[in-house]
C-alpha atoms as a PDB file:
ATOM      1  CA  MET A   1       0.000   0.000   0.000  1.00  0.00           C
ATOM      2  CA  ARG A   2       1.013   3.605  -0.512  1.00  0.00           C
ATOM      3  CA  GLU A   3       2.073   5.776   2.406  1.00  0.00           C
ATOM      4  CA  CYS A   4       0.078   8.696   3.778  1.00  0.00           C
ATOM      5  CA  TRP A   5       2.693  11.357   2.976  1.00  0.00           C
ATOM      6  CA  GLY A   6       1.827  11.027  -0.744  1.00  0.00           C
ATOM      7  CA  CYS A   7      -1.943  10.970  -0.294  1.00  0.00           C
ATOM      8  CA  GLY A   8      -4.268  13.797  -1.309  1.00  0.00           C
ATOM      9  CA  ASN A   9      -6.099  13.429   2.016  1.00  0.00           C
ATOM     10  CA  TYR A  10      -2.923  14.010   4.062  1.00  0.00           C
ATOM     11  CA  GLN A  11      -2.066  17.452   5.414  1.00  0.00           C
ATOM     12  CA  ALA A  12       1.362  17.552   7.042  1.00  0.00           C
ATOM     13  CA  TYR A  13       1.973  19.374  10.300  1.00  0.00           C
ATOM     14  CA  TYR A  14       4.881  21.806  10.614  1.00  0.00           C
ATOM     15  CA  THR A  15       6.882  23.100  13.557  1.00  0.00           C
ATOM     16  CA  LYS A  16       8.503  26.499  13.647  1.00  0.00           C
ATOM     17  CA  GLY A  17      12.272  26.322  13.321  1.00  0.00           C
ATOM     18  CA  TYR A  18      14.868  29.073  13.523  1.00  0.00           C
ATOM     19  CA  CYS A  19      14.365  30.574  10.056  1.00  0.00           C
ATOM     20  CA  LYS A  20      11.859  28.201   8.493  1.00  0.00           C
ATOM     21  CA  PHE A  21       9.086  25.730   9.160  1.00  0.00           C
ATOM     22  CA  ASP A  22      10.067  22.063   9.454  1.00  0.00           C
ATOM     23  CA  ARG A  23       7.754  19.294   8.275  1.00  0.00           C
ATOM     24  CA  CYS A  24       6.799  16.847  11.052  1.00  0.00           C
ATOM     25  CA  ASP A  25       6.566  13.069  10.733  1.00  0.00           C
ATOM     26  CA  TYR A  26       2.810  13.232  11.283  1.00  0.00           C
ATOM     27  CA  GLY A  27      -0.193  15.107   9.936  1.00  0.00           C
ATOM     28  CA  ASN A  28      -3.949  15.169   9.571  1.00  0.00           C
ATOM     29  CA  CYS A  29      -5.958  12.693   7.471  1.00  0.00           C
ATOM     30  CA  THR A  30      -9.017  14.558   6.205  1.00  0.00           C
ATOM     31  CA  LYS A  31     -10.839  11.311   5.345  1.00  0.00           C
ATOM     32  CA  GLN A  32     -10.363   9.592   8.699  1.00  0.00           C
ATOM     33  CA  GLN A  33     -10.422  12.871  10.669  1.00  0.00           C
ATOM     34  CA  LYS A  34      -7.444  11.858  12.803  1.00  0.00           C
ATOM     35  CA  ILE A  35      -3.718  12.421  13.233  1.00  0.00           C
ATOM     36  CA  VAL A  36      -1.626   9.884  11.320  1.00  0.00           C
ATOM     37  CA  GLU A  37       2.074   9.123  10.941  1.00  0.00           C
ATOM     38  CA  LYS A  38       3.392   9.897   7.449  1.00  0.00           C
ATOM     39  CA  HIS A  39       4.439   6.276   6.797  1.00  0.00           C
ATOM     40  CA  GLU A  40       1.023   4.800   7.636  1.00  0.00           C
ATOM     41  CA  SER A  41      -1.307   3.642   4.866  1.00  0.00           C
ATOM     42  CA  CYS A  42      -4.992   2.910   4.339  1.00  0.00           C
ATOM     43  CA  GLU A  43      -7.519   1.917   1.687  1.00  0.00           C
ATOM     44  CA  GLN A  44      -8.707   5.526   1.221  1.00  0.00           C
ATOM     45  CA  TRP A  45      -5.450   6.692  -0.393  1.00  0.00           C
ATOM     46  CA  ARG A  46      -5.896   9.060  -3.357  1.00  0.00           C
ATOM     47  CA  SER A  47      -3.534  10.929  -5.630  1.00  0.00           C
ATOM     48  CA  ASN A  48      -2.563  14.490  -4.765  1.00  0.00           C
ATOM     49  CA  ALA A  49      -1.490  15.447  -8.316  1.00  0.00           C
ATOM     50  CA  ILE A  50      -4.276  18.028  -8.733  1.00  0.00           C
ATOM     51  CA  ARG A  51      -3.515  19.706  -5.412  1.00  0.00           C
ATOM     52  CA  ARG A  52       0.205  19.729  -6.260  1.00  0.00           C
ATOM     53  CA  SER A  53      -0.399  21.400  -9.642  1.00  0.00           C
ATOM     54  CA  ILE A  54      -2.646  24.022  -8.033  1.00  0.00           C
ATOM     55  CA  ARG A  55       0.045  24.793  -5.442  1.00  0.00           C
ATOM     56  CA  LYS A  56       2.676  25.132  -8.171  1.00  0.00           C
ATOM     57  CA  GLY A  57       0.471  27.594 -10.046  1.00  0.00           C
ATOM     58  CA  ILE A  58      -0.102  29.651  -6.930  1.00  0.00           C
ATOM     59  CA  CYS A  59       3.626  29.636  -6.111  1.00  0.00           C
ATOM     60  CA  LEU A  60       4.503  30.821  -9.602  1.00  0.00           C
ATOM     61  CA  LYS A  61       1.995  33.663  -9.362  1.00  0.00           C
ATOM     62  CA  VAL A  62       3.301  34.761  -5.945  1.00  0.00           C
ATOM     63  CA  LEU A  63       6.921  34.609  -7.153  1.00  0.00           C
ATOM     64  CA  ASP A  64       6.040  36.639 -10.241  1.00  0.00           C
ATOM     65  CA  ASN A  65       4.415  39.311  -8.065  1.00  0.00           C
ATOM     66  CA  ALA A  66       7.401  39.342  -5.693  1.00  0.00           C
ATOM     67  CA  LEU A  67       9.849  39.730  -8.583  1.00  0.00           C
ATOM     68  CA  SER A  68       7.779  42.583  -9.948  1.00  0.00           C
ATOM     69  CA  ASP A  69       7.776  44.324  -6.547  1.00  0.00           C
ATOM     70  CA  ILE A  70      11.546  43.861  -6.172  1.00  0.00           C
ATOM     71  CA  SER A  71      12.087  45.267  -9.663  1.00  0.00           C
ATOM     72  CA  GLU A  72      10.027  48.343  -8.782  1.00  0.00           C
ATOM     73  CA  MET A  73      11.985  48.870  -5.556  1.00  0.00           C
ATOM     74  CA  ARG A  74      15.268  48.521  -7.454  1.00  0.00           C
ATOM     75  CA  GLN A  75      14.175  51.162  -9.951  1.00  0.00           C
ATOM     76  CA  ILE A  76      13.133  53.574  -7.190  1.00  0.00           C
ATOM     77  CA  LEU A  77      16.410  53.102  -5.308  1.00  0.00           C
ATOM     78  CA  SER A  78      18.454  53.492  -8.517  1.00  0.00           C
ATOM     79  CA  GLU A  79      16.680  56.740  -9.375  1.00  0.00           C
ATOM     80  CA  GLU A  80      17.252  58.084  -5.830  1.00  0.00           C
ATOM     81  CA  LYS A  81      20.924  57.165  -6.050  1.00  0.00           C
ATOM     82  CA  LYS A  82      21.297  59.009  -9.388  1.00  0.00           C
ATOM     83  CA  GLU A  83      19.621  62.101  -7.952  1.00  0.00           C
ATOM     84  CA  ASN A  84      22.044  62.211  -5.013  1.00  0.00           C
END
C-alpha cells in the first residue's frame, strides 16, 4: 500500500524552526479525521497530483508578483541614487 505522505487526504503538520518551518513526521488525514504518521497507509489513499499542480500555479503567481515588486523597488532606489 502507498504511504500517507503522498496521499491527497494528508495534510502535514509543521513546527517552527529558527528561520523556516520544518515538516513533522505526522499530519492530519481529512478522510479519517485523525492524526496519522506519514508512513502509515490505508484503503482511502488518493492521488494528490491536482492539489500539487494548483500549489505550483499559486507559487509561480506569488513569485512573479514578488519579482515585480523587487524590480520596482530597485528602480526607485536606482533613481534616488542618481539624484544624489
